[in-house]
Amino acid sequence: MTAEKIKGPASYFPSIEKKYGRSIGDWQALVRQRYPARHMELVDFLKNEHGMGHGHANALVAHTLAEDKRAAS
């Protein structure tokens, strides 16, 4: 049995946790505290306030916003 490869923004999650020392849940909580900010405002927040790279910040924000949109439907 083979594990399905993780695709999309979530594929960045292991390296985000390793590089920045917080769980994805912690990062998502920080993003959600900034609502109702727009996507790029949230990306800039992670980059400027937490030193996160653009790709990691964008992946985290995109995944969090999509997850919350699905939960609201």
N, C-alpha and C. Protein backbone atom coordinates (compact mmCIF):
# COMPACT_ATOMS: atom_id res chain seq x y z
N MET A 1 0.85 -1.18 0.00
CA MET A 1 0.00 0.00 0.00
C MET A 1 0.89 1.24 0.00
N THR A 2 0.61 2.19 -0.89
CA THR A 2 1.40 3.41 -0.95
C THR A 2 0.58 4.58 -0.47
N ALA A 3 1.25 5.49 0.20
CA ALA A 3 0.56 6.68 0.69
C ALA A 3 0.37 7.65 -0.48
N GLU A 4 -0.77 8.31 -0.50
CA GLU A 4 -1.04 9.29 -1.55
C GLU A 4 -0.17 10.52 -1.31
N LYS A 5 0.46 11.02 -2.36
CA LYS A 5 1.32 12.18 -2.25
C LYS A 5 0.48 13.43 -2.01
N ILE A 6 0.90 14.23 -1.06
CA ILE A 6 0.21 15.47 -0.74
C ILE A 6 0.49 16.48 -1.84
N LYS A 7 -0.57 17.13 -2.31
CA LYS A 7 -0.44 18.10 -3.40
C LYS A 7 -0.95 19.46 -2.94
N GLY A 8 -0.65 20.47 -3.72
CA GLY A 8 -1.16 21.81 -3.45
C GLY A 8 -0.43 22.47 -2.29
N PRO A 9 -1.06 23.50 -1.72
CA PRO A 9 -0.41 24.25 -0.65
C PRO A 9 0.03 23.40 0.54
N ALA A 10 -0.73 22.36 0.85
CA ALA A 10 -0.39 21.51 2.00
C ALA A 10 0.95 20.80 1.83
N SER A 11 1.43 20.70 0.61
CA SER A 11 2.73 20.05 0.39
C SER A 11 3.87 20.86 1.02
N TYR A 12 3.64 22.12 1.30
CA TYR A 12 4.64 22.97 1.94
C TYR A 12 4.66 22.81 3.47
N PHE A 13 3.61 22.24 4.04
CA PHE A 13 3.45 22.24 5.49
C PHE A 13 4.60 21.63 6.28
N PRO A 14 5.14 20.48 5.89
CA PRO A 14 6.26 19.93 6.68
C PRO A 14 7.46 20.88 6.72
N SER A 15 7.77 21.52 5.60
CA SER A 15 8.92 22.42 5.60
C SER A 15 8.61 23.71 6.34
N ILE A 16 7.36 24.17 6.33
CA ILE A 16 6.99 25.36 7.10
C ILE A 16 7.17 25.09 8.59
N GLU A 17 6.67 23.95 9.05
CA GLU A 17 6.81 23.61 10.47
C GLU A 17 8.28 23.48 10.87
N LYS A 18 9.06 22.84 10.04
CA LYS A 18 10.48 22.63 10.35
C LYS A 18 11.24 23.96 10.34
N LYS A 19 11.02 24.77 9.34
CA LYS A 19 11.80 26.00 9.19
C LYS A 19 11.42 27.08 10.20
N TYR A 20 10.13 27.20 10.51
CA TYR A 20 9.67 28.31 11.35
C TYR A 20 9.28 27.91 12.76
N GLY A 21 9.32 26.61 13.08
CA GLY A 21 9.19 26.14 14.46
C GLY A 21 7.81 26.21 15.09
N ARG A 22 6.77 26.35 14.29
CA ARG A 22 5.40 26.33 14.82
C ARG A 22 4.58 25.33 14.02
N SER A 23 3.54 24.83 14.66
CA SER A 23 2.65 23.90 13.94
C SER A 23 1.80 24.68 12.94
N ILE A 24 1.27 23.99 11.96
CA ILE A 24 0.39 24.62 10.98
C ILE A 24 -0.84 25.19 11.68
N GLY A 25 -1.35 24.49 12.67
CA GLY A 25 -2.48 25.00 13.44
C GLY A 25 -2.18 26.34 14.09
N ASP A 26 -0.97 26.49 14.62
CA ASP A 26 -0.57 27.77 15.22
C ASP A 26 -0.53 28.87 14.16
N TRP A 27 0.05 28.56 12.99
CA TRP A 27 0.12 29.54 11.91
C TRP A 27 -1.28 29.91 11.43
N GLN A 28 -2.15 28.92 11.31
CA GLN A 28 -3.51 29.21 10.86
C GLN A 28 -4.25 30.09 11.87
N ALA A 29 -4.02 29.87 13.15
CA ALA A 29 -4.65 30.71 14.17
C ALA A 29 -4.19 32.16 14.03
N LEU A 30 -2.90 32.36 13.76
CA LEU A 30 -2.39 33.73 13.56
C LEU A 30 -3.04 34.38 12.34
N VAL A 31 -3.17 33.62 11.27
CA VAL A 31 -3.81 34.15 10.06
C VAL A 31 -5.26 34.51 10.36
N ARG A 32 -5.97 33.62 11.02
CA ARG A 32 -7.40 33.86 11.31
C ARG A 32 -7.62 35.05 12.24
N GLN A 33 -6.65 35.35 13.09
CA GLN A 33 -6.76 36.51 13.98
C GLN A 33 -6.74 37.81 13.18
N ARG A 34 -6.21 37.78 11.96
CA ARG A 34 -6.11 38.97 11.13
C ARG A 34 -7.32 39.17 10.21
N TYR A 35 -8.28 38.25 10.24
CA TYR A 35 -9.47 38.40 9.41
C TYR A 35 -10.18 39.68 9.81
N PRO A 36 -10.79 40.36 8.90
CA PRO A 36 -11.13 40.03 7.52
C PRO A 36 -10.13 40.59 6.51
N ALA A 37 -8.86 40.46 6.74
CA ALA A 37 -7.84 40.93 5.81
C ALA A 37 -7.90 40.17 4.49
N ARG A 38 -7.37 40.79 3.45
CA ARG A 38 -7.33 40.17 2.13
C ARG A 38 -6.13 39.23 2.04
N HIS A 39 -6.14 38.37 1.02
CA HIS A 39 -5.11 37.36 0.84
C HIS A 39 -3.70 37.95 0.93
N MET A 40 -3.41 38.95 0.11
CA MET A 40 -2.05 39.49 0.08
C MET A 40 -1.69 40.25 1.34
N GLU A 41 -2.66 40.81 2.02
CA GLU A 41 -2.40 41.44 3.32
C GLU A 41 -1.94 40.39 4.32
N LEU A 42 -2.56 39.22 4.27
CA LEU A 42 -2.18 38.13 5.17
C LEU A 42 -0.79 37.59 4.82
N VAL A 43 -0.51 37.46 3.53
CA VAL A 43 0.82 37.02 3.09
C VAL A 43 1.88 38.02 3.57
N ASP A 44 1.63 39.31 3.36
CA ASP A 44 2.58 40.33 3.80
C ASP A 44 2.78 40.32 5.30
N PHE A 45 1.71 40.08 6.06
CA PHE A 45 1.81 39.96 7.52
C PHE A 45 2.78 38.86 7.92
N LEU A 46 2.62 37.68 7.32
CA LEU A 46 3.50 36.55 7.65
C LEU A 46 4.95 36.84 7.24
N LYS A 47 5.12 37.48 6.12
CA LYS A 47 6.47 37.80 5.64
C LYS A 47 7.13 38.86 6.51
N ASN A 48 6.41 39.95 6.79
CA ASN A 48 6.99 41.09 7.50
C ASN A 48 7.09 40.89 9.00
N GLU A 49 6.10 40.26 9.59
CA GLU A 49 6.08 40.11 11.05
C GLU A 49 6.73 38.82 11.54
N HIS A 50 6.82 37.82 10.66
CA HIS A 50 7.33 36.52 11.10
C HIS A 50 8.47 35.99 10.24
N GLY A 51 8.92 36.77 9.25
CA GLY A 51 10.06 36.38 8.44
C GLY A 51 9.83 35.19 7.53
N MET A 52 8.59 34.92 7.22
CA MET A 52 8.28 33.77 6.37
C MET A 52 8.54 34.13 4.91
N GLY A 53 9.02 33.18 4.15
CA GLY A 53 9.22 33.38 2.72
C GLY A 53 7.89 33.50 2.00
N HIS A 54 7.92 34.12 0.82
CA HIS A 54 6.69 34.36 0.08
C HIS A 54 5.94 33.07 -0.27
N GLY A 55 6.63 32.06 -0.76
CA GLY A 55 5.98 30.81 -1.15
C GLY A 55 5.31 30.13 0.03
N HIS A 56 6.00 30.09 1.15
CA HIS A 56 5.42 29.46 2.34
C HIS A 56 4.22 30.26 2.84
N ALA A 57 4.36 31.58 2.91
CA ALA A 57 3.26 32.42 3.38
C ALA A 57 2.05 32.29 2.46
N ASN A 58 2.27 32.33 1.17
CA ASN A 58 1.18 32.23 0.20
C ASN A 58 0.47 30.89 0.31
N ALA A 59 1.23 29.82 0.44
CA ALA A 59 0.63 28.48 0.56
C ALA A 59 -0.22 28.37 1.83
N LEU A 60 0.29 28.88 2.93
CA LEU A 60 -0.42 28.81 4.20
C LEU A 60 -1.71 29.62 4.14
N VAL A 61 -1.64 30.83 3.61
CA VAL A 61 -2.83 31.68 3.51
C VAL A 61 -3.85 31.06 2.56
N ALA A 62 -3.41 30.61 1.40
CA ALA A 62 -4.33 30.02 0.43
C ALA A 62 -5.06 28.82 1.02
N HIS A 63 -4.33 27.96 1.70
CA HIS A 63 -4.94 26.77 2.29
C HIS A 63 -5.92 27.15 3.40
N THR A 64 -5.54 28.08 4.24
CA THR A 64 -6.40 28.49 5.35
C THR A 64 -7.69 29.13 4.84
N LEU A 65 -7.57 30.04 3.88
CA LEU A 65 -8.76 30.68 3.32
C LEU A 65 -9.68 29.67 2.64
N ALA A 66 -9.10 28.73 1.89
CA ALA A 66 -9.90 27.71 1.22
C ALA A 66 -10.60 26.80 2.23
N GLU A 67 -9.89 26.43 3.28
CA GLU A 67 -10.45 25.58 4.32
C GLU A 67 -11.64 26.28 5.00
N ASP A 68 -11.47 27.56 5.29
CA ASP A 68 -12.54 28.31 5.96
C ASP A 68 -13.73 28.55 5.02
N LYS A 69 -13.46 28.72 3.75
CA LYS A 69 -14.55 28.90 2.77
C LYS A 69 -15.37 27.61 2.67
N ARG A 70 -14.68 26.45 2.65
CA ARG A 70 -15.38 25.16 2.60
C ARG A 70 -16.21 24.95 3.86
N ALA A 71 -15.67 25.33 5.00
CA ALA A 71 -16.37 25.14 6.27
C ALA A 71 -17.63 26.02 6.36
N ALA A 72 -17.59 27.17 5.69
CA ALA A 72 -18.71 28.09 5.74
C ALA A 72 -19.84 27.69 4.80
N SER A 73 -19.54 26.82 3.83
CA SER A 73 -20.59 26.44 2.88
C SER A 73 -21.45 25.32 3.39
